[in-house]
C-alpha atoms as a PDB file:
ATOM      1  CA  UNK A   1     114.428 112.780  98.147  1.00  0.00           C
ATOM      2  CA  UNK A   2     112.749 111.327 101.161  1.00  0.00           C
ATOM      3  CA  UNK A   3     113.694 108.038 102.836  1.00  0.00           C
ATOM      4  CA  UNK A   4     111.682 106.631 105.702  1.00  0.00           C
ATOM      5  CA  UNK A   5     113.011 103.762 107.959  1.00  0.00           C
ATOM      6  CA  UNK A   6     110.245 101.983 109.903  1.00  0.00           C
ATOM      7  CA  UNK A   7     110.352  99.371 112.656  1.00  0.00           C
ATOM      8  CA  UNK A   8     107.736  97.377 114.420  1.00  0.00           C
ATOM      9  CA  UNK A   9     109.128  97.695 117.974  1.00  0.00           C
ATOM     10  CA  UNK A  10     107.645  99.577 120.964  1.00  0.00           C
ATOM     11  CA  UNK A  11     108.116 103.055 119.376  1.00  0.00           C
ATOM     12  CA  UNK A  12     109.678 105.979 120.962  1.00  0.00           C
ATOM     13  CA  UNK A  13     108.122 107.663 124.084  1.00  0.00           C
ATOM     14  CA  UNK A  14     106.588 110.976 122.899  1.00  0.00           C
ATOM     15  CA  UNK A  15     108.959 113.142 125.101  1.00  0.00           C
ATOM     16  CA  UNK A  16     111.976 111.450 123.532  1.00  0.00           C
ATOM     17  CA  UNK A  17     111.350 111.967 119.741  1.00  0.00           C
ATOM     18  CA  UNK A  18     113.453 115.109 119.566  1.00  0.00           C
ATOM     19  CA  UNK A  19     116.089 114.032 122.025  1.00  0.00           C
ATOM     20  CA  UNK A  20     116.770 110.590 120.431  1.00  0.00           C
ATOM     21  CA  UNK A  21     118.930 112.273 117.705  1.00  0.00           C
ATOM     22  CA  UNK A  22     121.195 113.967 120.246  1.00  0.00           C
ATOM     23  CA  UNK A  23     124.763 112.835 121.030  1.00  0.00           C
ATOM     24  CA  UNK A  24     125.090 110.364 123.867  1.00  0.00           C
ATOM     25  CA  UNK A  25     121.216 110.142 124.320  1.00  0.00           C
ATOM     26  CA  UNK A  26     119.839 106.711 125.049  1.00  0.00           C
ATOM     27  CA  UNK A  27     116.260 105.664 125.862  1.00  0.00           C
ATOM     28  CA  UNK A  28     115.541 104.664 129.320  1.00  0.00           C
ATOM     29  CA  UNK A  29     114.434 101.150 129.604  1.00  0.00           C
ATOM     30  CA  UNK A  30     113.425  99.013 132.476  1.00  0.00           C
ATOM     31  CA  UNK A  31     116.656  96.855 132.311  1.00  0.00           C
ATOM     32  CA  UNK A  32     119.901  98.421 133.540  1.00  0.00           C
ATOM     33  CA  UNK A  33     121.998  97.064 130.715  1.00  0.00           C
ATOM     34  CA  UNK A  34     121.884  99.203 127.589  1.00  0.00           C
ATOM     35  CA  UNK A  35     124.210  98.517 124.761  1.00  0.00           C
ATOM     36  CA  UNK A  36     125.597 101.275 122.634  1.00  0.00           C
ATOM     37  CA  UNK A  37     126.959 104.789 123.223  1.00  0.00           C
ATOM     38  CA  UNK A  38     124.162 106.804 121.998  1.00  0.00           C
ATOM     39  CA  UNK A  39     126.087 108.205 118.955  1.00  0.00           C
ATOM     40  CA  UNK A  40     124.674 106.403 115.983  1.00  0.00           C
ATOM     41  CA  UNK A  41     121.643 108.518 115.286  1.00  0.00           C
ATOM     42  CA  UNK A  42     123.714 111.713 116.060  1.00  0.00           C
ATOM     43  CA  UNK A  43     126.298 110.672 113.574  1.00  0.00           C
ATOM     44  CA  UNK A  44     123.729 109.953 110.948  1.00  0.00           C
ATOM     45  CA  UNK A  45     122.114 113.345 111.497  1.00  0.00           C
ATOM     46  CA  UNK A  46     125.451 114.967 111.146  1.00  0.00           C
ATOM     47  CA  UNK A  47     125.913 113.400 107.730  1.00  0.00           C
ATOM     48  CA  UNK A  48     122.506 114.223 106.600  1.00  0.00           C
ATOM     49  CA  UNK A  49     122.793 117.945 107.677  1.00  0.00           C
ATOM     50  CA  UNK A  50     126.227 118.207 106.172  1.00  0.00           C
ATOM     51  CA  UNK A  51     124.460 117.373 102.810  1.00  0.00           C
ATOM     52  CA  UNK A  52     121.724 119.967 103.361  1.00  0.00           C
ATOM     53  CA  UNK A  53     119.116 117.522 104.635  1.00  0.00           C
ATOM     54  CA  UNK A  54     117.158 116.787 107.774  1.00  0.00           C
ATOM     55  CA  UNK A  55     116.437 113.849 110.029  1.00  0.00           C
ATOM     56  CA  UNK A  56     113.192 113.500 112.060  1.00  0.00           C
ATOM     57  CA  UNK A  57     112.202 110.754 114.494  1.00  0.00           C
ATOM     58  CA  UNK A  58     108.681 109.842 115.569  1.00  0.00           C
ATOM     59  CA  UNK A  59     106.181 107.007 115.804  1.00  0.00           C
ATOM     60  CA  UNK A  60     104.335 105.110 113.255  1.00  0.00           C
ATOM     61  CA  UNK A  61     100.622 105.941 112.904  1.00  0.00           C
ATOM     62  CA  UNK A  62      99.490 102.503 111.287  1.00  0.00           C
ATOM     63  CA  UNK A  63     100.976 100.237 114.037  1.00  0.00           C
ATOM     64  CA  UNK A  64     103.432 100.218 116.873  1.00  0.00           C
ATOM     65  CA  UNK A  65     106.968 101.160 116.083  1.00  0.00           C
ATOM     66  CA  UNK A  66     109.241 104.005 115.279  1.00  0.00           C
ATOM     67  CA  UNK A  67     109.869 105.934 112.005  1.00  0.00           C
ATOM     68  CA  UNK A  68     112.947 107.878 111.064  1.00  0.00           C
ATOM     69  CA  UNK A  69     112.725 110.169 108.050  1.00  0.00           C
ATOM     70  CA  UNK A  70     115.606 111.450 106.083  1.00  0.00           C
ATOM     71  CA  UNK A  71     115.094 114.346 103.657  1.00  0.00           C
ATOM     72  CA  UNK A  72     117.740 115.298 101.230  1.00  0.00           C
ATOM     73  CA  UNK A  73     117.789 118.001  98.558  1.00  0.00           C
ATOM     74  CA  UNK A  74     118.039 116.816  94.952  1.00  0.00           C
ATOM     75  CA  UNK A  75     120.891 118.619  93.526  1.00  0.00           C
ATOM     76  CA  UNK A  76     120.857 120.458  90.202  1.00  0.00           C
ATOM     77  CA  UNK A  77     122.701 118.548  87.510  1.00  0.00           C
ATOM     78  CA  UNK A  78     126.209 119.769  86.942  1.00  0.00           C
ATOM     79  CA  UNK A  79     126.687 120.927  83.449  1.00  0.00           C
ATOM     80  CA  UNK A  80     129.187 118.933  81.347  1.00  0.00           C
ATOM     81  CA  UNK A  81     132.090 120.777  79.597  1.00  0.00           C
ATOM     82  CA  UNK A  82     130.317 120.600  76.231  1.00  0.00           C
ATOM     83  CA  UNK A  83     127.220 122.429  77.658  1.00  0.00           C
ATOM     84  CA  UNK A  84     128.926 125.632  78.478  1.00  0.00           C
ATOM     85  CA  UNK A  85     127.290 128.567  76.760  1.00  0.00           C
END
């Protein structure tokens, strides 16, 4: 299963696309006031990886903005008690 979250903001600096998912990493902006701790995306990545998936960050190709892609494996169905051979 693949889930993509897209925005229409400024996008990510090319040298930040790998680091934006790291703990405590925050993008450098012109202003000196930055909200947040830099943990949100790292926590999301931790949950996704615990389920055997991956998270990637990048920029949209069709317009400005970022794209975050979550890929999760589709589990095999669990056989019910009546299906045992």
